[in-house]
Amino acid sequence: MRNEYAADLGLSEVDLAADWYTQFDRWFADAVAAGLPEPNAMVVGTADAAGRPSGRTVLLKGYDPEGFVFYTNYTSRKGGEATANPHASLVFPWFPMQRQVVVAGPVERVDRAETEAYFASRPRGSQLGAWASAQSRVIPDRAALDEAYQAVVARFADVAQIPAPPHWGGFRVRPESVEFWQGRVSRLHDRLRFRRADGGDWIVERLAP
């Protein structure tokens, strides 16, 4: 199960954008244009207060020079870990393009107004699901989840705009490092990392593959 990467691809310092946000924006646009399935899918890594890690795939819902935003139930496993140990890593696995982006940095909750604006843009079914699911909790069977959903449907039957649950909202990962990984032949990949130095300025480093 070995796949040799293309010889004509590469990532050089000369071609790198001046800042991580512009470079990510370029690569994200490339992933969208290439027709990758769910190019905004990312693996979010968190750890509990004891340092025990966990990971899962989440959809990126926004990014800007301040960081990367995703939404979840704050009482879920990732929500609890991001609150107890407010640091996270993100991995964008764009394998068909032989690329990855790896982000690391502190986590904070987004402003409540931002959460409510995003929640209002979701399909009604997704809004109802956020109310119905006690995310990451043990449930007896599928029927229990379906019954909870139907109860929420009835609860909000006459409500035109469903409010965001108080236990649900966004997290923003503010990057301290953003690594751009381009596959190369013989596993000699290109890895260029933007890293925030102690003084606050960003520096670019090449990492050995």
Protein backbone atom coordinates (compact mmCIF):
# COMPACT_ATOMS: atom_id res chain seq x y z
CA MET A 1 0.00 0.00 0.00
CA ARG A 2 2.55 2.53 -1.19
CA ASN A 3 1.81 5.44 -3.49
CA GLU A 4 4.71 7.41 -4.94
CA TYR A 5 4.03 11.12 -5.14
CA ALA A 6 4.41 13.17 -8.30
CA ALA A 7 7.88 14.39 -9.24
CA ASP A 8 6.74 17.71 -10.71
CA LEU A 9 5.07 19.08 -7.57
CA GLY A 10 6.77 21.12 -4.92
CA LEU A 11 6.52 24.06 -2.55
CA SER A 12 9.35 26.55 -2.40
CA GLU A 13 9.90 29.59 -0.24
CA VAL A 14 9.83 31.74 -3.38
CA ASP A 15 6.30 30.60 -4.20
CA LEU A 16 4.99 30.90 -0.64
CA ALA A 17 2.62 33.76 0.15
CA ALA A 18 3.73 36.49 2.50
CA ASP A 19 1.44 35.28 5.31
CA TRP A 20 -0.27 32.06 6.35
CA TYR A 21 -3.79 33.36 5.71
CA THR A 22 -3.09 34.20 2.05
CA GLN A 23 -1.34 30.88 1.52
CA PHE A 24 -4.19 28.93 3.11
CA ASP A 25 -6.72 30.88 1.04
CA ARG A 26 -4.84 29.89 -2.14
CA TRP A 27 -4.68 26.21 -1.23
CA PHE A 28 -8.28 26.10 -0.05
CA ALA A 29 -9.38 27.62 -3.36
CA ASP A 30 -7.32 24.98 -5.16
CA ALA A 31 -9.02 22.21 -3.18
CA VAL A 32 -12.46 23.59 -4.00
CA ALA A 33 -11.60 24.01 -7.69
CA ALA A 34 -10.27 20.44 -7.82
CA GLY A 35 -13.66 19.13 -6.73
CA LEU A 36 -12.40 17.44 -3.59
CA PRO A 37 -15.27 16.02 -1.49
CA GLU A 38 -15.87 18.34 1.46
CA PRO A 39 -12.63 20.32 1.14
CA ASN A 40 -13.52 22.09 4.40
CA ALA A 41 -13.34 18.80 6.34
CA MET A 42 -10.57 18.87 8.94
CA VAL A 43 -9.39 16.60 11.72
CA VAL A 44 -9.63 18.44 15.04
CA GLY A 45 -7.33 17.22 17.78
CA THR A 46 -7.96 18.13 21.41
CA ALA A 47 -6.82 16.76 24.77
CA ASP A 48 -8.43 16.56 28.16
CA ALA A 49 -7.04 18.13 31.33
CA ALA A 50 -4.81 15.09 31.83
CA GLY A 51 -3.35 15.41 28.34
CA ARG A 52 -5.16 12.39 26.86
CA PRO A 53 -5.77 13.20 23.17
CA SER A 54 -8.75 12.62 20.94
CA GLY A 55 -9.52 13.49 17.34
CA ARG A 56 -12.49 13.69 15.01
CA THR A 57 -13.45 15.14 11.64
CA VAL A 58 -15.28 18.47 11.75
CA LEU A 59 -16.29 20.93 9.05
CA LEU A 60 -14.55 24.29 8.90
CA LYS A 61 -17.20 27.02 8.83
CA GLY A 62 -15.08 30.11 8.53
CA TYR A 63 -11.54 31.41 8.47
CA ASP A 64 -9.89 34.81 8.45
CA PRO A 65 -6.58 36.25 9.64
CA GLU A 66 -7.75 35.69 13.22
CA GLY A 67 -8.13 31.93 12.84
CA PHE A 68 -10.33 28.97 11.96
CA VAL A 69 -13.91 28.51 13.20
CA PHE A 70 -16.00 25.39 13.75
CA TYR A 71 -19.23 24.78 15.65
CA THR A 72 -20.22 22.09 18.11
CA ASN A 73 -22.11 21.21 21.27
CA TYR A 74 -20.09 22.75 24.10
CA THR A 75 -20.88 19.71 26.28
CA SER A 76 -19.55 17.24 23.69
CA ARG A 77 -16.19 15.56 24.15
CA LYS A 78 -14.35 18.06 21.98
CA GLY A 79 -16.27 20.94 23.52
CA GLY A 80 -15.38 19.85 27.03
CA GLU A 81 -11.76 19.24 26.15
CA ALA A 82 -11.40 22.55 24.32
CA THR A 83 -12.77 24.27 27.42
CA ALA A 84 -10.66 22.36 29.97
CA ASN A 85 -7.47 22.43 27.86
CA PRO A 86 -7.90 25.32 25.39
CA HIS A 87 -5.47 24.23 22.70
CA ALA A 88 -6.12 22.33 19.48
CA SER A 89 -4.62 21.11 16.25
CA LEU A 90 -6.30 21.02 12.85
CA VAL A 91 -5.32 18.88 9.88
CA PHE A 92 -6.72 19.43 6.39
CA PRO A 93 -6.05 16.13 4.55
CA TRP A 94 -6.18 17.04 0.88
CA PHE A 95 -4.71 13.70 -0.20
CA PRO A 96 -5.76 13.76 -3.89
CA MET A 97 -3.68 16.92 -4.25
CA GLN A 98 -0.84 15.44 -2.16
CA ARG A 99 -1.21 18.29 0.29
CA GLN A 100 -1.90 18.79 3.96
CA VAL A 101 -2.23 21.85 6.15
CA VAL A 102 -1.51 21.45 9.87
CA VAL A 103 -2.56 24.16 12.33
CA ALA A 104 -1.87 24.46 16.05
CA GLY A 105 -2.90 27.11 18.52
CA PRO A 106 -5.10 28.17 21.41
CA VAL A 107 -8.89 27.83 21.29
CA GLU A 108 -11.56 30.29 22.34
CA ARG A 109 -15.33 30.49 22.04
CA VAL A 110 -16.59 32.81 19.34
CA ASP A 111 -18.80 35.76 20.20
CA ARG A 112 -22.39 34.70 20.89
CA ALA A 113 -23.70 37.00 18.15
CA GLU A 114 -21.44 35.19 15.66
CA THR A 115 -22.79 31.83 16.81
CA GLU A 116 -26.39 32.98 16.50
CA ALA A 117 -25.81 34.42 13.02
CA TYR A 118 -24.30 31.15 11.81
CA PHE A 119 -27.00 29.04 13.48
CA ALA A 120 -29.69 31.08 11.70
CA SER A 121 -28.09 30.18 8.35
CA ARG A 122 -28.31 26.41 8.97
CA PRO A 123 -31.05 24.25 7.47
CA ARG A 124 -33.97 23.78 9.85
CA GLY A 125 -33.26 20.08 10.20
CA SER A 126 -29.72 20.81 11.37
CA GLN A 127 -31.03 23.38 13.83
CA LEU A 128 -33.44 20.81 15.27
CA GLY A 129 -30.66 18.23 15.43
CA ALA A 130 -28.52 20.55 17.54
CA TRP A 131 -31.32 20.71 20.10
CA ALA A 132 -32.10 16.98 19.96
CA SER A 133 -28.63 15.45 20.28
CA ALA A 134 -26.79 15.27 23.60
CA GLN A 135 -23.59 14.96 21.62
CA SER A 136 -21.01 12.42 22.82
CA ARG A 137 -23.33 11.09 25.56
CA VAL A 138 -24.21 7.39 25.72
CA ILE A 139 -27.76 6.67 24.51
CA PRO A 140 -29.63 3.35 24.64
CA ASP A 141 -30.40 3.02 20.92
CA ARG A 142 -31.24 4.83 17.69
CA ALA A 143 -34.90 5.01 18.69
CA ALA A 144 -34.01 7.25 21.63
CA LEU A 145 -32.34 9.73 19.28
CA ASP A 146 -35.28 9.65 16.85
CA GLU A 147 -37.73 10.22 19.71
CA ALA A 148 -35.68 13.16 20.97
CA TYR A 149 -35.68 14.66 17.50
CA GLN A 150 -39.45 14.29 17.13
CA ALA A 151 -39.94 15.92 20.53
CA VAL A 152 -37.91 18.90 19.36
CA VAL A 153 -39.85 19.06 16.09
CA ALA A 154 -43.05 19.33 18.12
CA ARG A 155 -41.53 21.86 20.53
CA PHE A 156 -40.57 24.25 17.75
CA ALA A 157 -43.47 23.51 15.39
CA ASP A 158 -44.83 27.04 15.64
CA VAL A 159 -41.44 28.79 15.86
CA ALA A 160 -40.33 30.39 12.61
CA GLN A 161 -36.74 31.03 13.65
CA ILE A 162 -35.29 28.41 15.98
CA PRO A 163 -32.81 29.94 18.45
CA ALA A 164 -29.33 28.56 18.94
CA PRO A 165 -29.15 26.24 21.96
CA PRO A 166 -27.31 27.80 24.90
CA HIS A 167 -24.99 24.78 25.01
CA TRP A 168 -24.04 25.04 21.32
CA GLY A 169 -21.68 27.44 19.60
CA GLY A 170 -18.44 28.15 17.84
CA PHE A 171 -14.78 27.74 18.65
CA ARG A 172 -12.00 29.70 17.03
CA VAL A 173 -8.51 28.21 16.79
CA ARG A 174 -6.04 31.09 16.74
CA PRO A 175 -2.96 29.69 15.01
CA GLU A 176 0.49 29.87 16.49
CA SER A 177 1.79 27.71 13.64
CA VAL A 178 0.45 26.78 10.20
CA GLU A 179 2.37 24.17 8.22
CA PHE A 180 1.92 23.65 4.48
CA TRP A 181 2.88 20.12 3.42
CA GLN A 182 3.38 19.18 -0.23
CA GLY A 183 4.12 15.56 -1.13
CA ARG A 184 7.32 14.85 -3.08
CA VAL A 185 9.03 11.77 -4.47
CA SER A 186 10.97 9.38 -2.20
CA ARG A 187 9.10 10.77 0.82
CA LEU A 188 11.24 13.92 0.65
CA HIS A 189 8.23 16.16 1.10
CA ASP A 190 8.22 19.95 1.27
CA ARG A 191 7.14 21.29 4.65
CA LEU A 192 7.02 25.05 5.13
CA ARG A 193 5.72 26.38 8.43
CA PHE A 194 4.60 29.83 9.46
CA ARG A 195 5.30 30.15 13.19
CA ARG A 196 4.58 33.03 15.53
CA ALA A 197 7.83 33.93 17.28
CA ASP A 198 8.07 35.11 20.88
CA GLY A 199 7.92 38.74 19.81
CA GLY A 200 4.68 38.21 17.91
CA ASP A 201 6.14 38.33 14.41
CA TRP A 202 5.64 35.44 12.00
CA ILE A 203 8.64 33.55 10.65
CA VAL A 204 8.84 30.86 7.96
CA GLU A 205 10.71 27.64 8.65
CA ARG A 206 11.43 24.62 6.47
CA LEU A 207 11.01 21.31 8.26
CA ALA A 208 12.67 18.05 7.37
CA PRO A 209 10.14 15.53 6.05
